[in-house]
Amino acid sequence: MSTLAEIQDAISQLSDREQAALAAWLDSRRSASLYLQDEESLLRSLDEATRDINAGKGIPIDEVRRKVASWVAK
C-alpha cells in the first residue's frame, strides 16, 4: 500500500470496531506530536527566561506576587 487511495480502500474494508481502533491510534499519534511541540515551545521559553534572569532582566518575585494578588482580587 503506497497511495492514499489504496489505504482508504483498505480502511473501508475494516470492521467498524477496527476502524474505531485505527482512528484512536491515529489520534494518539497526532496528540503525541502536538504535546511534543508544546513541550519544545515551553523549553524554548524557559531557556529564554533563564537567559533573561541571568542577564539581570526580570521582575523580583515579591513584585510578581503583588501583581498576581492584585489580578486575583479583580
PDB file of N, CA and C in Angstrom:
ATOM      1  N   MET A   1       0.846  -1.181   0.000  1.00  0.00           N
ATOM      2  CA  MET A   1       0.000   0.000   0.000  1.00  0.00           C
ATOM      3  C   MET A   1       0.883   1.233   0.000  1.00  0.00           C
ATOM      4  N   SER A   2       0.764   2.012  -1.043  1.00  0.00           N
ATOM      5  CA  SER A   2       1.615   3.187  -1.086  1.00  0.00           C
ATOM      6  C   SER A   2       0.856   4.459  -1.416  1.00  0.00           C
ATOM      7  N   THR A   3      -0.376   4.341  -1.831  1.00  0.00           N
ATOM      8  CA  THR A   3      -1.121   5.554  -2.150  1.00  0.00           C
ATOM      9  C   THR A   3      -2.260   5.744  -1.158  1.00  0.00           C
ATOM     10  N   LEU A   4      -2.680   6.978  -1.066  1.00  0.00           N
ATOM     11  CA  LEU A   4      -3.789   7.289  -0.171  1.00  0.00           C
ATOM     12  C   LEU A   4      -5.044   6.528  -0.581  1.00  0.00           C
ATOM     13  N   ALA A   5      -5.289   6.430  -1.868  1.00  0.00           N
ATOM     14  CA  ALA A   5      -6.479   5.713  -2.347  1.00  0.00           C
ATOM     15  C   ALA A   5      -6.450   4.255  -1.911  1.00  0.00           C
ATOM     16  N   GLU A   6      -5.285   3.616  -1.983  1.00  0.00           N
ATOM     17  CA  GLU A   6      -5.169   2.210  -1.554  1.00  0.00           C
ATOM     18  C   GLU A   6      -5.406   2.088  -0.055  1.00  0.00           C
ATOM     19  N   ILE A   7      -4.881   3.021   0.695  1.00  0.00           N
ATOM     20  CA  ILE A   7      -5.071   2.994   2.154  1.00  0.00           C
ATOM     21  C   ILE A   7      -6.540   3.205   2.490  1.00  0.00           C
ATOM     22  N   GLN A   8      -7.174   4.171   1.831  1.00  0.00           N
ATOM     23  CA  GLN A   8      -8.592   4.424   2.071  1.00  0.00           C
ATOM     24  C   GLN A   8      -9.431   3.203   1.726  1.00  0.00           C
ATOM     25  N   ASP A   9      -9.094   2.536   0.632  1.00  0.00           N
ATOM     26  CA  ASP A   9      -9.829   1.330   0.238  1.00  0.00           C
ATOM     27  C   ASP A   9      -9.674   0.234   1.296  1.00  0.00           C
ATOM     28  N   ALA A  10      -8.453   0.066   1.777  1.00  0.00           N
ATOM     29  CA  ALA A  10      -8.206  -0.954   2.801  1.00  0.00           C
ATOM     30  C   ALA A  10      -8.968  -0.617   4.082  1.00  0.00           C
ATOM     31  N   ILE A  11      -8.987   0.643   4.458  1.00  0.00           N
ATOM     32  CA  ILE A  11      -9.695   1.060   5.671  1.00  0.00           C
ATOM     33  C   ILE A  11     -11.190   0.799   5.532  1.00  0.00           C
ATOM     34  N   SER A  12     -11.724   1.044   4.337  1.00  0.00           N
ATOM     35  CA  SER A  12     -13.161   0.830   4.142  1.00  0.00           C
ATOM     36  C   SER A  12     -13.546  -0.634   4.301  1.00  0.00           C
ATOM     37  N   GLN A  13     -12.574  -1.543   4.188  1.00  0.00           N
ATOM     38  CA  GLN A  13     -12.844  -2.967   4.344  1.00  0.00           C
ATOM     39  C   GLN A  13     -12.742  -3.433   5.802  1.00  0.00           C
ATOM     40  N   LEU A  14     -12.301  -2.550   6.689  1.00  0.00           N
ATOM     41  CA  LEU A  14     -12.209  -2.893   8.110  1.00  0.00           C
ATOM     42  C   LEU A  14     -13.593  -2.856   8.747  1.00  0.00           C
ATOM     43  N   SER A  15     -13.742  -3.611   9.816  1.00  0.00           N
ATOM     44  CA  SER A  15     -14.999  -3.566  10.577  1.00  0.00           C
ATOM     45  C   SER A  15     -15.090  -2.212  11.283  1.00  0.00           C
ATOM     46  N   ASP A  16     -16.285  -1.890  11.757  1.00  0.00           N
ATOM     47  CA  ASP A  16     -16.468  -0.632  12.492  1.00  0.00           C
ATOM     48  C   ASP A  16     -15.535  -0.566  13.703  1.00  0.00           C
ATOM     49  N   ARG A  17     -15.402  -1.695  14.378  1.00  0.00           N
ATOM     50  CA  ARG A  17     -14.547  -1.744  15.558  1.00  0.00           C
ATOM     51  C   ARG A  17     -13.087  -1.516  15.183  1.00  0.00           C
ATOM     52  N   GLU A  18     -12.646  -2.126  14.098  1.00  0.00           N
ATOM     53  CA  GLU A  18     -11.264  -1.941  13.652  1.00  0.00           C
ATOM     54  C   GLU A  18     -11.031  -0.496  13.185  1.00  0.00           C
ATOM     55  N   GLN A  19     -12.017   0.093  12.524  1.00  0.00           N
ATOM     56  CA  GLN A  19     -11.888   1.484  12.102  1.00  0.00           C
ATOM     57  C   GLN A  19     -11.799   2.410  13.313  1.00  0.00           C
ATOM     58  N   ALA A  20     -12.585   2.114  14.341  1.00  0.00           N
ATOM     59  CA  ALA A  20     -12.535   2.924  15.563  1.00  0.00           C
ATOM     60  C   ALA A  20     -11.167   2.799  16.226  1.00  0.00           C
ATOM     61  N   ALA A  21     -10.620   1.585  16.250  1.00  0.00           N
ATOM     62  CA  ALA A  21      -9.289   1.380  16.832  1.00  0.00           C
ATOM     63  C   ALA A  21      -8.236   2.127  16.027  1.00  0.00           C
ATOM     64  N   LEU A  22      -8.353   2.092  14.707  1.00  0.00           N
ATOM     65  CA  LEU A  22      -7.413   2.815  13.854  1.00  0.00           C
ATOM     66  C   LEU A  22      -7.524   4.317  14.098  1.00  0.00           C
ATOM     67  N   ALA A  23      -8.744   4.822  14.188  1.00  0.00           N
ATOM     68  CA  ALA A  23      -8.950   6.252  14.446  1.00  0.00           C
ATOM     69  C   ALA A  23      -8.331   6.656  15.779  1.00  0.00           C
ATOM     70  N   ALA A  24      -8.507   5.835  16.799  1.00  0.00           N
ATOM     71  CA  ALA A  24      -7.919   6.135  18.110  1.00  0.00           C
ATOM     72  C   ALA A  24      -6.402   6.144  18.025  1.00  0.00           C
ATOM     73  N   TRP A  25      -5.849   5.208  17.289  1.00  0.00           N
ATOM     74  CA  TRP A  25      -4.395   5.143  17.134  1.00  0.00           C
ATOM     75  C   TRP A  25      -3.878   6.386  16.402  1.00  0.00           C
ATOM     76  N   LEU A  26      -4.567   6.772  15.315  1.00  0.00           N
ATOM     77  CA  LEU A  26      -4.151   7.963  14.574  1.00  0.00           C
ATOM     78  C   LEU A  26      -4.243   9.210  15.453  1.00  0.00           C
ATOM     79  N   ASP A  27      -5.330   9.319  16.244  1.00  0.00           N
ATOM     80  CA  ASP A  27      -5.469  10.463  17.149  1.00  0.00           C
ATOM     81  C   ASP A  27      -4.355  10.500  18.180  1.00  0.00           C
ATOM     82  N   SER A  28      -3.961   9.341  18.688  1.00  0.00           N
ATOM     83  CA  SER A  28      -2.907   9.305  19.698  1.00  0.00           C
ATOM     84  C   SER A  28      -1.577   9.751  19.110  1.00  0.00           C
ATOM     85  N   ARG A  29      -1.333   9.425  17.851  1.00  0.00           N
ATOM     86  CA  ARG A  29      -0.095   9.862  17.191  1.00  0.00           C
ATOM     87  C   ARG A  29      -0.101  11.370  16.998  1.00  0.00           C
ATOM     88  N   ARG A  30      -1.254  11.921  16.624  1.00  0.00           N
ATOM     89  CA  ARG A  30      -1.354  13.369  16.419  1.00  0.00           C
ATOM     90  C   ARG A  30      -1.207  14.091  17.756  1.00  0.00           C
ATOM     91  N   SER A  31      -1.848  13.573  18.788  1.00  0.00           N
ATOM     92  CA  SER A  31      -1.765  14.195  20.110  1.00  0.00           C
ATOM     93  C   SER A  31      -0.337  14.181  20.621  1.00  0.00           C
ATOM     94  N   ALA A  32       0.357  13.083  20.443  1.00  0.00           N
ATOM     95  CA  ALA A  32       1.748  12.999  20.894  1.00  0.00           C
ATOM     96  C   ALA A  32       2.592  14.043  20.185  1.00  0.00           C
ATOM     97  N   SER A  33       2.337  14.243  18.911  1.00  0.00           N
ATOM     98  CA  SER A  33       3.075  15.246  18.149  1.00  0.00           C
ATOM     99  C   SER A  33       2.774  16.641  18.672  1.00  0.00           C
ATOM    100  N   LEU A  34       1.498  16.913  18.967  1.00  0.00           N
ATOM    101  CA  LEU A  34       1.135  18.219  19.498  1.00  0.00           C
ATOM    102  C   LEU A  34       1.764  18.439  20.857  1.00  0.00           C
ATOM    103  N   TYR A  35       1.748  17.405  21.709  1.00  0.00           N
ATOM    104  CA  TYR A  35       2.354  17.535  23.020  1.00  0.00           C
ATOM    105  C   TYR A  35       3.852  17.798  22.900  1.00  0.00           C
ATOM    106  N   LEU A  36       4.501  17.146  21.952  1.00  0.00           N
ATOM    107  CA  LEU A  36       5.924  17.348  21.736  1.00  0.00           C
ATOM    108  C   LEU A  36       6.192  18.783  21.308  1.00  0.00           C
ATOM    109  N   GLN A  37       5.353  19.335  20.428  1.00  0.00           N
ATOM    110  CA  GLN A  37       5.516  20.726  20.013  1.00  0.00           C
ATOM    111  C   GLN A  37       5.323  21.660  21.201  1.00  0.00           C
ATOM    112  N   ASP A  38       4.318  21.385  22.034  1.00  0.00           N
ATOM    113  CA  ASP A  38       4.086  22.204  23.228  1.00  0.00           C
ATOM    114  C   ASP A  38       5.286  22.139  24.159  1.00  0.00           C
ATOM    115  N   GLU A  39       5.820  20.944  24.340  1.00  0.00           N
ATOM    116  CA  GLU A  39       6.968  20.767  25.226  1.00  0.00           C
ATOM    117  C   GLU A  39       8.180  21.529  24.690  1.00  0.00           C
ATOM    118  N   GLU A  40       8.414  21.431  23.387  1.00  0.00           N
ATOM    119  CA  GLU A  40       9.543  22.138  22.788  1.00  0.00           C
ATOM    120  C   GLU A  40       9.386  23.646  22.948  1.00  0.00           C
ATOM    121  N   SER A  41       8.177  24.145  22.755  1.00  0.00           N
ATOM    122  CA  SER A  41       7.902  25.572  22.918  1.00  0.00           C
ATOM    123  C   SER A  41       8.132  26.006  24.363  1.00  0.00           C
ATOM    124  N   LEU A  42       7.658  25.206  25.298  1.00  0.00           N
ATOM    125  CA  LEU A  42       7.853  25.511  26.712  1.00  0.00           C
ATOM    126  C   LEU A  42       9.333  25.540  27.058  1.00  0.00           C
ATOM    127  N   LEU A  43      10.089  24.554  26.590  1.00  0.00           N
ATOM    128  CA  LEU A  43      11.520  24.516  26.886  1.00  0.00           C
ATOM    129  C   LEU A  43      12.247  25.725  26.295  1.00  0.00           C
ATOM    130  N   ARG A  44      11.863  26.142  25.076  1.00  0.00           N
ATOM    131  CA  ARG A  44      12.473  27.346  24.491  1.00  0.00           C
ATOM    132  C   ARG A  44      12.168  28.569  25.345  1.00  0.00           C
ATOM    133  N   SER A  45      10.918  28.677  25.810  1.00  0.00           N
ATOM    134  CA  SER A  45      10.523  29.807  26.651  1.00  0.00           C
ATOM    135  C   SER A  45      11.295  29.811  27.967  1.00  0.00           C
ATOM    136  N   LEU A  46      11.459  28.634  28.551  1.00  0.00           N
ATOM    137  CA  LEU A  46      12.206  28.542  29.812  1.00  0.00           C
ATOM    138  C   LEU A  46      13.677  28.895  29.612  1.00  0.00           C
ATOM    139  N   ASP A  47      14.250  28.466  28.489  1.00  0.00           N
ATOM    140  CA  ASP A  47      15.642  28.830  28.184  1.00  0.00           C
ATOM    141  C   ASP A  47      15.783  30.341  28.045  1.00  0.00           C
ATOM    142  N   GLU A  48      14.833  30.951  27.354  1.00  0.00           N
ATOM    143  CA  GLU A  48      14.863  32.402  27.167  1.00  0.00           C
ATOM    144  C   GLU A  48      14.717  33.121  28.507  1.00  0.00           C
ATOM    145  N   ALA A  49      13.799  32.643  29.339  1.00  0.00           N
ATOM    146  CA  ALA A  49      13.604  33.255  30.650  1.00  0.00           C
ATOM    147  C   ALA A  49      14.855  33.119  31.506  1.00  0.00           C
ATOM    148  N   THR A  50      15.502  31.963  31.442  1.00  0.00           N
ATOM    149  CA  THR A  50      16.739  31.751  32.203  1.00  0.00           C
ATOM    150  C   THR A  50      17.819  32.725  31.744  1.00  0.00           C
ATOM    151  N   ARG A  51      17.947  32.901  30.420  1.00  0.00           N
ATOM    152  CA  ARG A  51      18.942  33.853  29.899  1.00  0.00           C
ATOM    153  C   ARG A  51      18.631  35.269  30.373  1.00  0.00           C
ATOM    154  N   ASP A  52      17.351  35.651  30.346  1.00  0.00           N
ATOM    155  CA  ASP A  52      16.967  36.991  30.808  1.00  0.00           C
ATOM    156  C   ASP A  52      17.295  37.187  32.278  1.00  0.00           C
ATOM    157  N   ILE A  53      16.967  36.204  33.096  1.00  0.00           N
ATOM    158  CA  ILE A  53      17.249  36.308  34.533  1.00  0.00           C
ATOM    159  C   ILE A  53      18.749  36.407  34.779  1.00  0.00           C
ATOM    160  N   ASN A  54      19.522  35.573  34.081  1.00  0.00           N
ATOM    161  CA  ASN A  54      20.974  35.614  34.234  1.00  0.00           C
ATOM    162  C   ASN A  54      21.569  36.938  33.764  1.00  0.00           C
ATOM    163  N   ALA A  55      20.874  37.626  32.856  1.00  0.00           N
ATOM    164  CA  ALA A  55      21.343  38.917  32.353  1.00  0.00           C
ATOM    165  C   ALA A  55      20.836  40.071  33.218  1.00  0.00           C
ATOM    166  N   GLY A  56      20.169  39.743  34.308  1.00  0.00           N
ATOM    167  CA  GLY A  56      19.681  40.777  35.211  1.00  0.00           C
ATOM    168  C   GLY A  56      18.344  41.371  34.801  1.00  0.00           C
ATOM    169  N   LYS A  57      17.719  40.793  33.813  1.00  0.00           N
ATOM    170  CA  LYS A  57      16.393  41.259  33.401  1.00  0.00           C
ATOM    171  C   LYS A  57      15.346  40.482  34.193  1.00  0.00           C
ATOM    172  N   GLY A  58      14.197  41.052  34.322  1.00  0.00           N
ATOM    173  CA  GLY A  58      13.124  40.340  35.000  1.00  0.00           C
ATOM    174  C   GLY A  58      12.517  41.158  36.112  1.00  0.00           C
ATOM    175  N   ILE A  59      11.587  40.547  36.793  1.00  0.00           N
ATOM    176  CA  ILE A  59      10.863  41.202  37.881  1.00  0.00           C
ATOM    177  C   ILE A  59      11.097  40.396  39.156  1.00  0.00           C
ATOM    178  N   PRO A  60      11.425  41.074  40.256  1.00  0.00           N
ATOM    179  CA  PRO A  60      11.617  40.351  41.524  1.00  0.00           C
ATOM    180  C   PRO A  60      10.353  39.582  41.910  1.00  0.00           C
ATOM    181  N   ILE A  61      10.529  38.449  42.525  1.00  0.00           N
ATOM    182  CA  ILE A  61       9.409  37.569  42.865  1.00  0.00           C
ATOM    183  C   ILE A  61       8.377  38.249  43.760  1.00  0.00           C
ATOM    184  N   ASP A  62       8.827  39.115  44.675  1.00  0.00           N
ATOM    185  CA  ASP A  62       7.870  39.812  45.538  1.00  0.00           C
ATOM    186  C   ASP A  62       6.943  40.706  44.722  1.00  0.00           C
ATOM    187  N   GLU A  63       7.487  41.352  43.685  1.00  0.00           N
ATOM    188  CA  GLU A  63       6.658  42.189  42.818  1.00  0.00           C
ATOM    189  C   GLU A  63       5.679  41.328  42.018  1.00  0.00           C
ATOM    190  N   VAL A  64       6.131  40.176  41.563  1.00  0.00           N
ATOM    191  CA  VAL A  64       5.255  39.258  40.838  1.00  0.00           C
ATOM    192  C   VAL A  64       4.102  38.841  41.744  1.00  0.00           C
ATOM    193  N   ARG A  65       4.408  38.499  42.982  1.00  0.00           N
ATOM    194  CA  ARG A  65       3.358  38.080  43.921  1.00  0.00           C
ATOM    195  C   ARG A  65       2.340  39.185  44.148  1.00  0.00           C
ATOM    196  N   ARG A  66       2.812  40.436  44.274  1.00  0.00           N
ATOM    197  CA  ARG A  66       1.890  41.561  44.467  1.00  0.00           C
ATOM    198  C   ARG A  66       0.987  41.718  43.238  1.00  0.00           C
ATOM    199  N   LYS A  67       1.584  41.612  42.051  1.00  0.00           N
ATOM    200  CA  LYS A  67       0.788  41.761  40.830  1.00  0.00           C
ATOM    201  C   LYS A  67      -0.249  40.656  40.710  1.00  0.00           C
ATOM    202  N   VAL A  68       0.157  39.443  40.973  1.00  0.00           N
ATOM    203  CA  VAL A  68      -0.787  38.316  40.885  1.00  0.00           C
ATOM    204  C   VAL A  68      -1.920  38.516  41.893  1.00  0.00           C
ATOM    205  N   ALA A  69      -1.579  38.934  43.094  1.00  0.00           N
ATOM    206  CA  ALA A  69      -2.601  39.159  44.119  1.00  0.00           C
ATOM    207  C   ALA A  69      -3.594  40.226  43.663  1.00  0.00           C
ATOM    208  N   SER A  70      -3.085  41.263  43.001  1.00  0.00           N
ATOM    209  CA  SER A  70      -3.994  42.321  42.537  1.00  0.00           C
ATOM    210  C   SER A  70      -4.872  41.827  41.390  1.00  0.00           C
ATOM    211  N   TRP A  71      -4.347  40.953  40.540  1.00  0.00           N
ATOM    212  CA  TRP A  71      -5.139  40.411  39.428  1.00  0.00           C
ATOM    213  C   TRP A  71      -6.237  39.508  39.962  1.00  0.00           C
ATOM    214  N   VAL A  72      -5.919  38.712  40.973  1.00  0.00           N
ATOM    215  CA  VAL A  72      -6.897  37.775  41.530  1.00  0.00           C
ATOM    216  C   VAL A  72      -8.014  38.538  42.240  1.00  0.00           C
ATOM    217  N   ALA A  73      -7.666  39.667  42.824  1.00  0.00           N
ATOM    218  CA  ALA A  73      -8.652  40.444  43.575  1.00  0.00           C
ATOM    219  C   ALA A  73      -9.660  41.124  42.662  1.00  0.00           C
ATOM    220  N   LYS A  74      -9.351  41.250  41.390  1.00  0.00           N
ATOM    221  CA  LYS A  74     -10.267  41.957  40.464  1.00  0.00           C
ATOM    222  C   LYS A  74     -11.467  41.137  40.116  1.00  0.00           C
TER     223      LYS A  74
END
